[in-house]
Amino acid sequence: TGLPEPIALYPLYKQHGTKDISRANNPSGIAKGVDLFTGYYGQPEGSYHFSGSSASFLEFPNNGGLDAKYSMTLVAWIYPEISKGPLFNYKVQDRGVYLWLESPNRLVAKFEMRDSSQPYAIQSDKIRLKAWNYVAASYDYSAGTAGLWIDGRQVSRLSMGSFKISTQDDVRVGALKGDSNFYK
C-alpha cells in the first residue's frame, strides 16, 4: 500500500508474451527475431533471447499510457552475453530516454528533457557478463535526481534538477532502426 501503480508491467515470458499485465492495459508489444529462453529462476521459456542483430527486438506502442512525464523507474532482469545495446529505449529510431548497455559491462541510463534534447546520463560498470543481473534506473522529479541499481544496491546517483522527461514515444528493446548497437 502507498506505492504508485505501475504504468506498465511486461513480464516477457511465455505465459504473457509481450502483454502488459498492469491495470493500465497498454497495447501488447511486437516481437521480431526473438526466441523464448530459460528465465532467471530456471523456468523454461521464462525470458526472451535477443540475437544481437537489427532484426531482433521488441517494440511497444505508446498511445500515451507509457508516458511517465515526471518520474519513472525501469526495472529488468538481464543476461548480457557479449554485445551492447538498448535494454529499454523511448524512440524507435533514435536514442531517447533509455536504459542501455553502452559496453558489455557498463549500464547507462539517460533522461532527456521533454522540451529540448538536453540529456543527463548516469552510469555504472558493475554488470556481470553471462550472468543474470537485476537492474533498475529511476528519475525522481520531486528530488531532481536519477539513480541506478544493480542486484538491489544503488550503484550510482546524480542530481540533475527537475524537468519533464521525454517519454512520449514508442519503446524499443534490443535494437533501434539505423543504430549499429544491438543487445544480445
N, C-alpha and C. Protein backbone atom coordinates (compact mmCIF):
# COMPACT_ATOMS: atom_id res chain seq x y z
N THR A 1 0.84 -1.19 0.00
CA THR A 1 0.00 0.00 0.00
C THR A 1 0.87 1.24 0.00
N GLY A 2 0.36 2.30 -0.57
CA GLY A 2 1.10 3.55 -0.61
C GLY A 2 2.03 3.68 -1.80
N LEU A 3 2.27 2.59 -2.53
CA LEU A 3 3.14 2.66 -3.70
C LEU A 3 2.30 2.98 -4.93
N PRO A 4 2.87 3.71 -5.87
CA PRO A 4 2.11 4.02 -7.08
C PRO A 4 1.91 2.77 -7.93
N GLU A 5 0.84 2.75 -8.69
CA GLU A 5 0.59 1.66 -9.64
C GLU A 5 1.57 1.80 -10.80
N PRO A 6 2.08 0.69 -11.31
CA PRO A 6 2.95 0.81 -12.49
C PRO A 6 2.15 1.26 -13.71
N ILE A 7 2.80 2.03 -14.58
CA ILE A 7 2.12 2.43 -15.82
C ILE A 7 2.16 1.30 -16.84
N ALA A 8 3.05 0.32 -16.62
CA ALA A 8 3.13 -0.86 -17.47
C ALA A 8 3.91 -1.94 -16.75
N LEU A 9 3.55 -3.20 -17.00
CA LEU A 9 4.28 -4.34 -16.45
C LEU A 9 4.26 -5.44 -17.50
N TYR A 10 5.41 -5.64 -18.12
CA TYR A 10 5.57 -6.65 -19.17
C TYR A 10 6.46 -7.76 -18.62
N PRO A 11 5.90 -8.90 -18.20
CA PRO A 11 6.72 -9.99 -17.65
C PRO A 11 7.69 -10.60 -18.67
N LEU A 12 7.32 -10.59 -19.95
CA LEU A 12 8.17 -11.08 -21.03
C LEU A 12 8.60 -12.53 -20.85
N TYR A 13 7.63 -13.39 -20.68
CA TYR A 13 7.87 -14.84 -20.70
C TYR A 13 6.68 -15.49 -21.39
N LYS A 14 6.74 -16.81 -21.62
CA LYS A 14 5.77 -17.49 -22.47
C LYS A 14 4.32 -17.23 -22.07
N GLN A 15 3.99 -17.33 -20.80
CA GLN A 15 2.59 -17.22 -20.36
C GLN A 15 1.95 -15.91 -20.80
N HIS A 16 2.67 -14.79 -20.70
CA HIS A 16 2.09 -13.49 -21.02
C HIS A 16 2.65 -12.88 -22.30
N GLY A 17 3.72 -13.46 -22.85
CA GLY A 17 4.31 -12.91 -24.07
C GLY A 17 4.70 -11.46 -23.88
N THR A 18 4.23 -10.60 -24.76
CA THR A 18 4.55 -9.17 -24.68
C THR A 18 3.36 -8.36 -24.17
N LYS A 19 2.46 -9.02 -23.46
CA LYS A 19 1.26 -8.37 -22.94
C LYS A 19 1.57 -7.57 -21.67
N ASP A 20 0.97 -6.40 -21.56
CA ASP A 20 1.03 -5.59 -20.34
C ASP A 20 0.02 -6.17 -19.35
N ILE A 21 0.48 -6.57 -18.16
CA ILE A 21 -0.44 -7.13 -17.17
C ILE A 21 -0.79 -6.14 -16.06
N SER A 22 -0.38 -4.87 -16.24
CA SER A 22 -0.76 -3.86 -15.25
C SER A 22 -2.23 -3.49 -15.45
N ARG A 23 -2.75 -2.71 -14.51
CA ARG A 23 -4.13 -2.23 -14.64
C ARG A 23 -4.29 -1.27 -15.81
N ALA A 24 -3.19 -0.70 -16.28
CA ALA A 24 -3.24 0.26 -17.39
C ALA A 24 -3.61 -0.42 -18.71
N ASN A 25 -3.31 -1.71 -18.83
CA ASN A 25 -3.67 -2.49 -20.01
C ASN A 25 -3.22 -1.82 -21.31
N ASN A 26 -1.93 -1.46 -21.38
CA ASN A 26 -1.35 -0.88 -22.59
C ASN A 26 -1.34 -1.92 -23.71
N PRO A 27 -1.22 -1.48 -24.96
CA PRO A 27 -1.16 -2.44 -26.07
C PRO A 27 0.02 -3.39 -25.89
N SER A 28 -0.15 -4.61 -26.37
CA SER A 28 0.94 -5.58 -26.33
C SER A 28 2.07 -5.15 -27.23
N GLY A 29 3.26 -5.64 -26.91
CA GLY A 29 4.42 -5.36 -27.74
C GLY A 29 4.46 -6.26 -28.96
N ILE A 30 5.32 -5.90 -29.89
CA ILE A 30 5.53 -6.66 -31.11
C ILE A 30 6.91 -7.30 -30.99
N ALA A 31 6.98 -8.62 -31.13
CA ALA A 31 8.25 -9.35 -31.03
C ALA A 31 8.75 -9.70 -32.43
N LYS A 32 9.99 -9.34 -32.72
CA LYS A 32 10.62 -9.65 -34.01
C LYS A 32 11.98 -10.29 -33.77
N GLY A 33 12.21 -11.47 -34.32
CA GLY A 33 13.52 -12.10 -34.28
C GLY A 33 14.02 -12.46 -32.89
N VAL A 34 13.10 -12.70 -31.96
CA VAL A 34 13.48 -13.11 -30.60
C VAL A 34 12.95 -14.51 -30.35
N ASP A 35 13.60 -15.22 -29.45
CA ASP A 35 13.18 -16.56 -29.07
C ASP A 35 12.97 -16.61 -27.57
N LEU A 36 12.11 -17.52 -27.14
CA LEU A 36 11.96 -17.74 -25.70
C LEU A 36 13.18 -18.50 -25.20
N PHE A 37 13.58 -18.20 -23.96
CA PHE A 37 14.81 -18.72 -23.39
C PHE A 37 14.57 -19.02 -21.91
N THR A 38 15.47 -19.71 -21.28
CA THR A 38 15.37 -20.01 -19.86
C THR A 38 15.36 -18.72 -19.04
N GLY A 39 14.49 -18.64 -18.04
CA GLY A 39 14.39 -17.45 -17.21
C GLY A 39 15.31 -17.47 -16.01
N TYR A 40 15.30 -16.40 -15.25
CA TYR A 40 16.17 -16.23 -14.09
C TYR A 40 16.00 -17.37 -13.08
N TYR A 41 14.80 -17.81 -12.86
CA TYR A 41 14.56 -18.86 -11.88
C TYR A 41 14.69 -20.26 -12.49
N GLY A 42 15.24 -20.34 -13.71
CA GLY A 42 15.44 -21.62 -14.38
C GLY A 42 14.21 -22.14 -15.10
N GLN A 43 13.14 -21.35 -15.12
CA GLN A 43 11.91 -21.80 -15.76
C GLN A 43 12.08 -21.80 -17.28
N PRO A 44 11.66 -22.88 -17.94
CA PRO A 44 11.72 -22.91 -19.40
C PRO A 44 10.85 -21.80 -19.99
N GLU A 45 11.33 -21.18 -21.04
CA GLU A 45 10.61 -20.11 -21.73
C GLU A 45 10.22 -18.97 -20.79
N GLY A 46 11.14 -18.67 -19.87
CA GLY A 46 10.90 -17.64 -18.86
C GLY A 46 11.51 -16.30 -19.18
N SER A 47 12.05 -16.13 -20.40
CA SER A 47 12.61 -14.85 -20.82
C SER A 47 12.68 -14.82 -22.34
N TYR A 48 13.08 -13.67 -22.88
CA TYR A 48 13.30 -13.55 -24.32
C TYR A 48 14.79 -13.46 -24.59
N HIS A 49 15.22 -14.09 -25.68
CA HIS A 49 16.62 -14.04 -26.12
C HIS A 49 16.69 -13.17 -27.36
N PHE A 50 17.58 -12.17 -27.34
CA PHE A 50 17.81 -11.28 -28.46
C PHE A 50 19.09 -11.74 -29.16
N SER A 51 19.07 -11.85 -30.48
CA SER A 51 20.20 -12.41 -31.22
C SER A 51 21.38 -11.46 -31.38
N GLY A 52 21.19 -10.17 -31.08
CA GLY A 52 22.27 -9.21 -31.26
C GLY A 52 22.36 -8.73 -32.70
N SER A 53 21.19 -8.52 -33.33
CA SER A 53 21.15 -8.02 -34.71
C SER A 53 20.03 -6.99 -34.84
N SER A 54 20.02 -6.29 -35.97
CA SER A 54 19.00 -5.26 -36.20
C SER A 54 17.61 -5.85 -36.34
N ALA A 55 17.51 -7.16 -36.59
CA ALA A 55 16.21 -7.81 -36.78
C ALA A 55 15.70 -8.49 -35.52
N SER A 56 16.32 -8.24 -34.38
CA SER A 56 15.94 -8.88 -33.11
C SER A 56 15.58 -7.81 -32.09
N PHE A 57 14.27 -7.62 -31.86
CA PHE A 57 13.84 -6.56 -30.95
C PHE A 57 12.40 -6.79 -30.50
N LEU A 58 12.01 -6.04 -29.48
CA LEU A 58 10.62 -5.90 -29.06
C LEU A 58 10.27 -4.43 -29.24
N GLU A 59 9.05 -4.17 -29.69
CA GLU A 59 8.60 -2.79 -29.82
C GLU A 59 7.26 -2.64 -29.12
N PHE A 60 7.15 -1.60 -28.29
CA PHE A 60 5.94 -1.35 -27.52
C PHE A 60 5.31 -0.04 -27.97
N PRO A 61 4.09 -0.10 -28.54
CA PRO A 61 3.41 1.13 -28.94
C PRO A 61 3.07 1.98 -27.71
N ASN A 62 3.25 3.27 -27.85
CA ASN A 62 2.94 4.19 -26.76
C ASN A 62 1.78 5.08 -27.19
N ASN A 63 0.59 4.71 -26.76
CA ASN A 63 -0.59 5.51 -27.08
C ASN A 63 -0.85 6.54 -25.98
N GLY A 64 0.17 6.84 -25.20
CA GLY A 64 0.07 7.77 -24.07
C GLY A 64 0.18 7.06 -22.74
N GLY A 65 -0.08 5.76 -22.71
CA GLY A 65 -0.04 5.01 -21.47
C GLY A 65 1.36 4.77 -20.93
N LEU A 66 2.38 4.85 -21.77
CA LEU A 66 3.77 4.66 -21.32
C LEU A 66 4.47 5.99 -21.06
N ASP A 67 3.74 7.09 -21.16
CA ASP A 67 4.31 8.42 -20.97
C ASP A 67 4.37 8.76 -19.49
N ALA A 68 5.56 8.63 -18.91
CA ALA A 68 5.74 8.88 -17.48
C ALA A 68 5.76 10.37 -17.15
N LYS A 69 6.27 11.20 -18.02
CA LYS A 69 6.34 12.66 -17.94
C LYS A 69 7.22 13.19 -16.81
N TYR A 70 7.01 12.77 -15.58
CA TYR A 70 7.71 13.36 -14.44
C TYR A 70 8.70 12.41 -13.79
N SER A 71 8.24 11.35 -13.21
CA SER A 71 9.11 10.41 -12.52
C SER A 71 8.91 9.02 -13.08
N MET A 72 9.97 8.21 -13.06
CA MET A 72 9.84 6.85 -13.58
C MET A 72 10.91 5.94 -13.00
N THR A 73 10.61 4.66 -13.02
CA THR A 73 11.58 3.63 -12.67
C THR A 73 11.43 2.50 -13.69
N LEU A 74 12.54 2.11 -14.28
CA LEU A 74 12.61 0.97 -15.20
C LEU A 74 13.32 -0.16 -14.46
N VAL A 75 12.75 -1.35 -14.49
CA VAL A 75 13.32 -2.50 -13.78
C VAL A 75 13.35 -3.69 -14.73
N ALA A 76 14.45 -4.45 -14.74
CA ALA A 76 14.54 -5.63 -15.62
C ALA A 76 15.57 -6.62 -15.10
N TRP A 77 15.32 -7.88 -15.40
CA TRP A 77 16.34 -8.91 -15.29
C TRP A 77 17.02 -8.98 -16.65
N ILE A 78 18.36 -8.91 -16.70
CA ILE A 78 19.07 -9.02 -17.97
C ILE A 78 20.17 -10.07 -17.85
N TYR A 79 20.49 -10.70 -18.97
CA TYR A 79 21.56 -11.69 -19.07
C TYR A 79 22.42 -11.30 -20.28
N PRO A 80 23.32 -10.32 -20.11
CA PRO A 80 24.12 -9.86 -21.25
C PRO A 80 25.17 -10.88 -21.64
N GLU A 81 25.31 -11.09 -22.94
CA GLU A 81 26.31 -12.02 -23.42
C GLU A 81 27.58 -11.27 -23.82
N ILE A 82 27.66 -10.72 -25.02
CA ILE A 82 28.89 -10.06 -25.42
C ILE A 82 28.71 -8.68 -26.04
N SER A 83 27.50 -8.27 -26.28
CA SER A 83 27.30 -7.04 -27.04
C SER A 83 26.71 -5.93 -26.18
N LYS A 84 26.60 -4.78 -26.80
CA LYS A 84 25.97 -3.64 -26.15
C LYS A 84 24.73 -3.26 -26.93
N GLY A 85 23.83 -2.54 -26.28
CA GLY A 85 22.63 -2.12 -27.00
C GLY A 85 21.51 -1.76 -26.06
N PRO A 86 20.33 -1.43 -26.65
CA PRO A 86 19.21 -0.92 -25.87
C PRO A 86 18.49 -2.00 -25.06
N LEU A 87 18.37 -1.74 -23.77
CA LEU A 87 17.55 -2.56 -22.89
C LEU A 87 16.13 -2.01 -22.87
N PHE A 88 16.00 -0.70 -22.96
CA PHE A 88 14.70 -0.02 -22.97
C PHE A 88 14.96 1.38 -23.51
N ASN A 89 14.32 1.74 -24.61
CA ASN A 89 14.61 3.00 -25.27
C ASN A 89 13.33 3.64 -25.78
N TYR A 90 13.01 4.83 -25.26
CA TYR A 90 11.88 5.60 -25.80
C TYR A 90 12.35 6.21 -27.12
N LYS A 91 11.84 5.79 -28.20
CA LYS A 91 12.07 6.15 -29.60
C LYS A 91 12.52 4.87 -30.29
N VAL A 92 12.12 4.72 -31.53
CA VAL A 92 12.50 3.50 -32.26
C VAL A 92 13.64 3.75 -33.24
N GLN A 93 13.96 5.02 -33.51
CA GLN A 93 14.99 5.33 -34.49
C GLN A 93 16.02 6.32 -33.96
N ASP A 94 16.05 6.55 -32.69
CA ASP A 94 17.00 7.49 -32.11
C ASP A 94 17.08 7.17 -30.63
N ARG A 95 18.11 7.64 -29.99
CA ARG A 95 18.22 7.41 -28.55
C ARG A 95 17.43 8.49 -27.82
N GLY A 96 16.43 8.07 -27.06
CA GLY A 96 15.64 8.98 -26.25
C GLY A 96 15.94 8.71 -24.79
N VAL A 97 14.94 8.79 -23.92
CA VAL A 97 15.12 8.35 -22.53
C VAL A 97 15.39 6.85 -22.62
N TYR A 98 16.45 6.39 -21.97
CA TYR A 98 16.80 4.99 -22.14
C TYR A 98 17.55 4.37 -20.97
N LEU A 99 17.60 3.03 -21.02
CA LEU A 99 18.47 2.20 -20.20
C LEU A 99 19.19 1.30 -21.20
N TRP A 100 20.51 1.43 -21.28
CA TRP A 100 21.33 0.72 -22.28
C TRP A 100 22.52 0.04 -21.62
N LEU A 101 23.05 -0.95 -22.32
CA LEU A 101 24.42 -1.40 -22.07
C LEU A 101 25.27 -0.64 -23.07
N GLU A 102 26.10 0.28 -22.61
CA GLU A 102 26.95 1.08 -23.50
C GLU A 102 28.21 0.32 -23.87
N SER A 103 28.60 -0.63 -23.06
CA SER A 103 29.65 -1.59 -23.37
C SER A 103 29.16 -2.87 -22.70
N PRO A 104 29.80 -4.00 -22.97
CA PRO A 104 29.24 -5.23 -22.41
C PRO A 104 29.02 -5.22 -20.89
N ASN A 105 29.75 -4.39 -20.15
CA ASN A 105 29.54 -4.40 -18.70
C ASN A 105 29.18 -3.04 -18.12
N ARG A 106 28.88 -2.04 -18.96
CA ARG A 106 28.55 -0.70 -18.46
C ARG A 106 27.07 -0.41 -18.70
N LEU A 107 26.35 -0.21 -17.61
CA LEU A 107 24.94 0.15 -17.64
C LEU A 107 24.83 1.67 -17.63
N VAL A 108 24.02 2.22 -18.54
CA VAL A 108 23.84 3.66 -18.64
C VAL A 108 22.35 3.98 -18.75
N ALA A 109 21.91 4.96 -17.99
CA ALA A 109 20.55 5.48 -18.13
C ALA A 109 20.66 6.94 -18.54
N LYS A 110 19.82 7.34 -19.48
CA LYS A 110 19.80 8.73 -19.91
C LYS A 110 18.38 9.26 -19.76
N PHE A 111 18.27 10.44 -19.19
CA PHE A 111 16.99 11.11 -19.04
C PHE A 111 17.07 12.43 -19.80
N GLU A 112 16.20 12.58 -20.77
CA GLU A 112 16.22 13.73 -21.65
C GLU A 112 15.05 14.65 -21.32
N MET A 113 15.31 15.96 -21.37
CA MET A 113 14.25 16.93 -21.15
C MET A 113 13.21 16.83 -22.26
N ARG A 114 11.97 16.96 -21.90
CA ARG A 114 10.87 16.83 -22.85
C ARG A 114 10.86 17.93 -23.90
N ASP A 115 11.21 19.15 -23.51
CA ASP A 115 11.13 20.29 -24.42
C ASP A 115 12.44 20.61 -25.13
N SER A 116 13.46 19.80 -24.93
CA SER A 116 14.74 20.02 -25.61
C SER A 116 15.46 18.68 -25.70
N SER A 117 16.60 18.68 -26.30
CA SER A 117 17.35 17.44 -26.42
C SER A 117 18.44 17.32 -25.36
N GLN A 118 18.43 18.20 -24.37
CA GLN A 118 19.48 18.16 -23.36
C GLN A 118 19.35 16.90 -22.51
N PRO A 119 20.34 15.99 -22.61
CA PRO A 119 20.27 14.75 -21.84
C PRO A 119 21.15 14.79 -20.59
N TYR A 120 20.77 14.02 -19.62
CA TYR A 120 21.58 13.77 -18.43
C TYR A 120 21.77 12.26 -18.35
N ALA A 121 23.01 11.82 -18.19
CA ALA A 121 23.28 10.38 -18.17
C ALA A 121 23.92 9.99 -16.85
N ILE A 122 23.63 8.77 -16.44
CA ILE A 122 24.18 8.19 -15.22
C ILE A 122 24.65 6.78 -15.59
N GLN A 123 25.79 6.33 -15.03
CA GLN A 123 26.32 5.04 -15.46
C GLN A 123 27.00 4.28 -14.33
N SER A 124 27.19 2.99 -14.59
CA SER A 124 27.92 2.10 -13.68
C SER A 124 28.55 0.99 -14.50
N ASP A 125 29.72 0.52 -14.08
CA ASP A 125 30.41 -0.54 -14.81
C ASP A 125 30.43 -1.86 -14.03
N LYS A 126 29.38 -2.14 -13.34
CA LYS A 126 29.34 -3.33 -12.48
C LYS A 126 28.48 -4.47 -13.02
N ILE A 127 28.14 -4.46 -14.30
CA ILE A 127 27.32 -5.52 -14.89
C ILE A 127 28.19 -6.77 -15.10
N ARG A 128 27.64 -7.91 -14.75
CA ARG A 128 28.33 -9.19 -14.95
C ARG A 128 27.88 -9.80 -16.26
N LEU A 129 28.83 -10.23 -17.10
CA LEU A 129 28.51 -10.89 -18.35
C LEU A 129 28.16 -12.35 -18.11
N LYS A 130 27.29 -12.87 -18.96
CA LYS A 130 26.87 -14.27 -18.93
C LYS A 130 26.38 -14.67 -17.53
N ALA A 131 25.64 -13.74 -16.91
CA ALA A 131 25.02 -13.96 -15.61
C ALA A 131 23.78 -13.07 -15.53
N TRP A 132 22.82 -13.47 -14.71
CA TRP A 132 21.63 -12.66 -14.53
C TRP A 132 21.96 -11.47 -13.64
N ASN A 133 21.53 -10.28 -14.06
CA ASN A 133 21.67 -9.04 -13.32
C ASN A 133 20.27 -8.44 -13.17
N TYR A 134 19.95 -8.00 -11.97
CA TYR A 134 18.67 -7.34 -11.71
C TYR A 134 18.97 -5.84 -11.71
N VAL A 135 18.49 -5.12 -12.73
CA VAL A 135 18.88 -3.72 -12.90
C VAL A 135 17.66 -2.80 -12.82
N ALA A 136 17.94 -1.58 -12.41
CA ALA A 136 16.89 -0.56 -12.35
C ALA A 136 17.50 0.81 -12.55
N ALA A 137 16.73 1.69 -13.17
CA ALA A 137 17.10 3.10 -13.33
C ALA A 137 15.88 3.92 -12.97
N SER A 138 16.10 5.04 -12.29
CA SER A 138 14.96 5.86 -11.92
C SER A 138 15.29 7.34 -12.04
N TYR A 139 14.24 8.12 -12.24
CA TYR A 139 14.33 9.56 -12.21
C TYR A 139 13.21 10.05 -11.31
N ASP A 140 13.54 10.88 -10.34
CA ASP A 140 12.58 11.42 -9.38
C ASP A 140 12.45 12.93 -9.60
N TYR A 141 11.33 13.34 -10.14
CA TYR A 141 11.08 14.75 -10.45
C TYR A 141 11.16 15.61 -9.19
N SER A 142 10.52 15.17 -8.10
CA SER A 142 10.48 15.96 -6.87
C SER A 142 11.86 16.23 -6.31
N ALA A 143 12.73 15.22 -6.32
CA ALA A 143 14.08 15.37 -5.79
C ALA A 143 15.07 15.87 -6.84
N GLY A 144 14.71 15.74 -8.13
CA GLY A 144 15.63 16.14 -9.20
C GLY A 144 16.84 15.23 -9.31
N THR A 145 16.65 13.95 -9.01
CA THR A 145 17.77 13.02 -9.01
C THR A 145 17.47 11.77 -9.86
N ALA A 146 18.54 11.14 -10.30
CA ALA A 146 18.46 9.86 -11.00
C ALA A 146 19.33 8.86 -10.25
N GLY A 147 18.98 7.59 -10.37
CA GLY A 147 19.76 6.55 -9.72
C GLY A 147 19.80 5.29 -10.56
N LEU A 148 20.85 4.50 -10.35
CA LEU A 148 20.99 3.18 -10.97
C LEU A 148 21.15 2.16 -9.86
N TRP A 149 20.51 1.01 -10.04
CA TRP A 149 20.62 -0.09 -9.09
C TRP A 149 21.02 -1.35 -9.84
N ILE A 150 21.88 -2.14 -9.23
CA ILE A 150 22.24 -3.45 -9.76
C ILE A 150 22.13 -4.43 -8.62
N ASP A 151 21.34 -5.46 -8.83
CA ASP A 151 21.11 -6.50 -7.83
C ASP A 151 20.68 -5.93 -6.48
N GLY A 152 19.80 -4.93 -6.54
CA GLY A 152 19.20 -4.37 -5.33
C GLY A 152 20.03 -3.32 -4.62
N ARG A 153 21.23 -3.00 -5.12
CA ARG A 153 22.09 -1.99 -4.49
C ARG A 153 22.22 -0.77 -5.39
N GLN A 154 22.06 0.41 -4.82
CA GLN A 154 22.25 1.61 -5.62
C GLN A 154 23.75 1.75 -5.91
N VAL A 155 24.10 1.86 -7.19
CA VAL A 155 25.50 1.93 -7.60
C VAL A 155 25.87 3.30 -8.15
N SER A 156 24.88 4.15 -8.39
CA SER A 156 25.17 5.48 -8.91
C SER A 156 23.97 6.38 -8.65
N ARG A 157 24.27 7.67 -8.40
CA ARG A 157 23.22 8.66 -8.15
C ARG A 157 23.70 9.99 -8.73
N LEU A 158 22.77 10.74 -9.31
CA LEU A 158 23.11 12.00 -9.94
C LEU A 158 22.02 13.03 -9.68
N SER A 159 22.42 14.22 -9.24
CA SER A 159 21.47 15.34 -9.12
C SER A 159 21.46 16.08 -10.45
N MET A 160 20.26 16.33 -10.99
CA MET A 160 20.20 16.99 -12.28
C MET A 160 19.07 18.00 -12.41
N GLY A 161 18.34 18.24 -11.35
CA GLY A 161 17.25 19.20 -11.40
C GLY A 161 15.94 18.56 -11.82
N SER A 162 14.88 19.32 -11.70
CA SER A 162 13.54 18.81 -12.00
C SER A 162 13.08 19.29 -13.37
N PHE A 163 12.65 18.35 -14.19
CA PHE A 163 12.14 18.66 -15.52
C PHE A 163 11.25 17.51 -16.00
N LYS A 164 10.35 17.82 -16.94
CA LYS A 164 9.55 16.78 -17.56
C LYS A 164 10.46 15.95 -18.46
N ILE A 165 10.30 14.63 -18.43
CA ILE A 165 11.15 13.76 -19.24
C ILE A 165 10.44 13.37 -20.54
N SER A 166 11.25 13.12 -21.55
CA SER A 166 10.76 12.82 -22.90
C SER A 166 10.40 11.34 -23.03
N THR A 167 9.19 10.99 -22.61
CA THR A 167 8.74 9.60 -22.62
C THR A 167 7.47 9.42 -23.45
N GLN A 168 7.25 10.27 -24.43
CA GLN A 168 6.03 10.23 -25.21
C GLN A 168 6.11 9.32 -26.44
N ASP A 169 7.28 8.79 -26.76
CA ASP A 169 7.45 7.99 -27.98
C ASP A 169 7.26 6.50 -27.73
N ASP A 170 7.17 5.73 -28.83
CA ASP A 170 7.14 4.27 -28.72
C ASP A 170 8.45 3.79 -28.12
N VAL A 171 8.47 2.54 -27.67
CA VAL A 171 9.63 1.99 -26.96
C VAL A 171 10.20 0.81 -27.75
N ARG A 172 11.52 0.72 -27.77
CA ARG A 172 12.22 -0.42 -28.39
C ARG A 172 13.15 -1.06 -27.37
N VAL A 173 13.28 -2.38 -27.50
CA VAL A 173 14.21 -3.18 -26.70
C VAL A 173 15.01 -4.03 -27.68
N GLY A 174 16.33 -4.06 -27.55
CA GLY A 174 17.17 -4.95 -28.35
C GLY A 174 17.85 -4.29 -29.53
N ALA A 175 17.16 -3.48 -30.30
CA ALA A 175 17.74 -2.83 -31.48
C ALA A 175 16.90 -1.62 -31.87
N LEU A 176 17.57 -0.59 -32.38
CA LEU A 176 16.89 0.59 -32.91
C LEU A 176 17.08 0.64 -34.41
N LYS A 177 16.18 1.28 -35.12
CA LYS A 177 16.34 1.48 -36.55
C LYS A 177 17.53 2.40 -36.79
N GLY A 178 18.46 1.97 -37.63
CA GLY A 178 19.58 2.82 -38.01
C GLY A 178 20.72 2.91 -37.01
N ASP A 179 20.68 2.15 -35.92
CA ASP A 179 21.76 2.16 -34.93
C ASP A 179 22.50 0.83 -35.04
N SER A 180 23.81 0.86 -34.96
CA SER A 180 24.61 -0.36 -35.13
C SER A 180 24.88 -1.11 -33.83
N ASN A 181 24.27 -0.72 -32.74
CA ASN A 181 24.43 -1.40 -31.45
C ASN A 181 23.20 -2.25 -31.19
N PHE A 182 23.41 -3.55 -30.95
CA PHE A 182 22.31 -4.48 -30.75
C PHE A 182 22.54 -5.30 -29.49
N TYR A 183 21.53 -5.43 -28.68
CA TYR A 183 21.65 -6.19 -27.43
C TYR A 183 21.58 -7.69 -27.71
N LYS A 184 22.47 -8.44 -27.07
CA LYS A 184 22.43 -9.89 -27.13
C LYS A 184 22.48 -10.39 -25.69
